[in-house]
N, C-alpha and C. Protein backbone atom coordinates (compact mmCIF):
# COMPACT_ATOMS: atom_id res chain seq x y z
N MET A 1 -31.27 11.57 -17.44
CA MET A 1 -30.44 10.76 -16.36
C MET A 1 -31.00 10.91 -15.08
N LYS A 2 -30.91 9.66 -14.35
CA LYS A 2 -31.50 9.62 -12.93
C LYS A 2 -30.53 10.00 -11.92
N ASN A 3 -30.93 10.69 -10.95
CA ASN A 3 -29.90 11.25 -10.03
C ASN A 3 -29.88 10.19 -9.02
N GLU A 4 -28.76 9.56 -9.14
CA GLU A 4 -28.31 8.47 -8.02
C GLU A 4 -27.63 8.93 -6.79
N PRO A 5 -27.75 8.50 -5.65
CA PRO A 5 -26.99 9.10 -4.57
C PRO A 5 -25.55 8.76 -4.65
N LEU A 6 -24.57 9.71 -4.07
CA LEU A 6 -23.32 9.36 -4.05
C LEU A 6 -23.02 8.43 -2.92
N LYS A 7 -22.56 7.19 -2.93
CA LYS A 7 -22.35 6.27 -1.70
C LYS A 7 -21.05 6.44 -1.43
N LEU A 8 -20.79 6.67 -0.21
CA LEU A 8 -19.45 6.84 0.42
C LEU A 8 -19.39 5.60 1.68
N ARG A 9 -18.03 5.15 1.83
CA ARG A 9 -17.83 4.26 2.78
C ARG A 9 -16.97 4.96 3.75
N LYS A 10 -16.94 4.86 5.01
CA LYS A 10 -15.99 5.32 5.91
C LYS A 10 -14.71 4.74 5.83
N ARG A 11 -13.65 5.65 6.01
CA ARG A 11 -12.43 4.98 5.74
C ARG A 11 -12.00 3.82 6.59
N GLY A 12 -11.36 2.85 6.12
CA GLY A 12 -11.09 1.63 6.65
C GLY A 12 -12.03 0.65 6.59
N GLU A 13 -13.08 0.90 6.11
CA GLU A 13 -14.18 -0.27 5.80
C GLU A 13 -13.72 -1.00 4.59
N ASP A 14 -12.76 -0.83 3.86
CA ASP A 14 -12.26 -1.58 2.77
C ASP A 14 -11.20 -2.70 3.35
N GLY A 15 -11.05 -2.85 4.64
CA GLY A 15 -10.17 -3.70 5.18
C GLY A 15 -8.77 -3.16 5.40
N SER A 16 -8.53 -1.93 5.16
CA SER A 16 -7.38 -1.31 5.31
C SER A 16 -7.26 -0.41 6.61
N ARG A 17 -6.09 -0.20 7.06
CA ARG A 17 -5.89 0.74 8.25
C ARG A 17 -4.82 1.52 8.08
N ILE A 18 -4.74 2.85 8.40
CA ILE A 18 -3.62 3.65 8.26
C ILE A 18 -2.70 3.60 9.56
N ILE A 19 -1.44 3.29 9.06
CA ILE A 19 -0.35 3.32 10.20
C ILE A 19 0.84 4.08 9.96
N SER A 20 1.66 4.28 10.83
CA SER A 20 2.80 5.03 10.76
C SER A 20 4.02 4.16 10.82
N VAL A 21 5.09 4.22 9.97
CA VAL A 21 6.31 3.52 10.20
C VAL A 21 7.40 4.29 9.89
N ARG A 22 8.58 4.00 10.38
CA ARG A 22 9.81 4.51 10.12
C ARG A 22 10.68 3.71 9.25
N ILE A 23 11.18 4.46 8.05
CA ILE A 23 11.76 3.64 7.08
C ILE A 23 13.01 4.42 6.83
N ARG A 24 14.17 3.69 6.69
CA ARG A 24 15.44 4.31 6.40
C ARG A 24 15.24 5.13 5.06
N GLU A 25 15.97 6.15 4.96
CA GLU A 25 16.03 6.96 3.79
C GLU A 25 16.41 6.32 2.39
N GLU A 26 17.33 5.43 2.53
CA GLU A 26 17.89 4.81 1.38
C GLU A 26 16.94 3.67 0.93
N ILE A 27 16.23 2.94 1.92
CA ILE A 27 15.00 2.14 1.32
C ILE A 27 13.80 2.86 0.69
N LEU A 28 13.53 4.09 1.32
CA LEU A 28 12.40 4.81 0.78
C LEU A 28 12.87 5.32 -0.69
N THR A 29 14.11 5.66 -1.02
CA THR A 29 14.61 6.14 -2.22
C THR A 29 14.33 4.79 -3.16
N ASP A 30 14.78 3.66 -2.71
CA ASP A 30 14.55 2.58 -3.42
C ASP A 30 13.33 2.25 -3.79
N LEU A 31 12.39 2.28 -2.84
CA LEU A 31 10.79 2.05 -2.98
C LEU A 31 10.19 3.04 -4.12
N ASP A 32 10.67 4.27 -3.93
CA ASP A 32 10.13 5.54 -5.02
C ASP A 32 10.80 5.00 -6.40
N ARG A 33 11.91 4.73 -6.45
CA ARG A 33 12.39 4.36 -7.83
C ARG A 33 11.72 3.15 -8.38
N LEU A 34 11.65 2.12 -7.68
CA LEU A 34 10.82 0.86 -8.01
C LEU A 34 9.42 1.25 -8.39
N ALA A 35 8.77 1.97 -7.49
CA ALA A 35 7.29 2.41 -7.80
C ALA A 35 7.19 3.03 -9.10
N ASN A 36 8.06 4.06 -9.35
CA ASN A 36 8.15 4.82 -10.72
C ASN A 36 8.27 3.84 -11.75
N GLU A 37 9.34 2.88 -11.57
CA GLU A 37 9.60 1.94 -12.68
C GLU A 37 8.32 0.92 -13.07
N VAL A 38 7.52 0.58 -12.14
CA VAL A 38 6.50 -0.33 -12.39
C VAL A 38 5.27 0.37 -12.51
N ASN A 39 5.29 1.51 -12.36
CA ASN A 39 4.00 2.66 -12.33
C ASN A 39 3.00 2.32 -11.31
N TYR A 40 3.42 1.95 -10.06
CA TYR A 40 2.64 1.79 -8.91
C TYR A 40 2.84 2.98 -8.06
N SER A 41 1.98 3.07 -7.04
CA SER A 41 1.93 4.05 -6.01
C SER A 41 3.02 3.46 -4.95
N ARG A 42 3.72 4.30 -4.22
CA ARG A 42 4.47 3.82 -3.27
C ARG A 42 3.71 2.86 -2.26
N ASN A 43 2.42 3.36 -1.92
CA ASN A 43 1.48 2.71 -1.16
C ASN A 43 1.33 1.16 -1.69
N GLU A 44 0.94 0.99 -3.09
CA GLU A 44 0.66 -0.25 -3.61
C GLU A 44 1.94 -1.18 -3.57
N LEU A 45 3.05 -0.42 -3.93
CA LEU A 45 4.19 -1.20 -3.96
C LEU A 45 4.59 -1.87 -2.53
N ILE A 46 4.30 -1.13 -1.56
CA ILE A 46 4.61 -1.36 -0.08
C ILE A 46 3.72 -2.55 0.16
N ASN A 47 2.46 -2.43 -0.08
CA ASN A 47 1.47 -3.40 0.35
C ASN A 47 1.85 -4.84 -0.51
N LEU A 48 2.23 -4.75 -1.68
CA LEU A 48 2.59 -5.86 -2.40
C LEU A 48 3.90 -6.68 -1.79
N ILE A 49 4.87 -5.88 -1.40
CA ILE A 49 6.05 -6.51 -0.84
C ILE A 49 5.74 -7.09 0.54
N LEU A 50 4.88 -6.27 1.37
CA LEU A 50 4.66 -6.81 2.69
C LEU A 50 3.74 -8.03 2.66
N ALA A 51 2.80 -8.12 1.64
CA ALA A 51 2.01 -9.26 1.52
C ALA A 51 2.91 -10.58 1.01
N HIS A 52 3.87 -10.22 0.15
CA HIS A 52 4.68 -11.42 -0.26
C HIS A 52 5.56 -11.75 0.90
N GLY A 53 6.05 -10.80 1.56
CA GLY A 53 7.05 -11.10 2.66
C GLY A 53 6.29 -11.92 3.80
N VAL A 54 4.96 -11.54 4.32
CA VAL A 54 4.25 -12.20 5.16
C VAL A 54 4.15 -13.57 4.79
N LYS A 55 3.59 -13.82 3.62
CA LYS A 55 3.40 -15.11 3.04
C LYS A 55 4.54 -16.14 2.89
N ASN A 56 5.68 -15.58 2.74
CA ASN A 56 6.98 -16.33 2.45
C ASN A 56 8.04 -16.15 3.45
N ILE A 57 7.73 -15.72 4.63
CA ILE A 57 8.55 -15.50 5.74
C ILE A 57 9.11 -17.10 6.35
N GLU A 58 10.19 -17.33 6.76
CA GLU A 58 10.81 -18.58 7.34
C GLU A 58 11.05 -18.16 8.73
N ILE A 59 10.52 -18.57 9.92
CA ILE A 59 11.01 -18.33 11.09
C ILE A 59 11.78 -19.62 11.61
N GLU A 60 12.96 -19.44 12.05
CA GLU A 60 13.70 -20.63 12.45
C GLU A 60 13.79 -20.61 14.16
């Protein structure tokens, strides 16, 4: 078997950025429950919810 180099990308090069947000405890509890129910990580679920919200928000 050929020894191929391990290719690593610097964090953030996938288009993602790490940020910090404050979330109410009850919302975090609900997120964790939902993530567990659909077998997603908390991060995956938050990104899906945010993407949906940004695309479907109506500003009056």
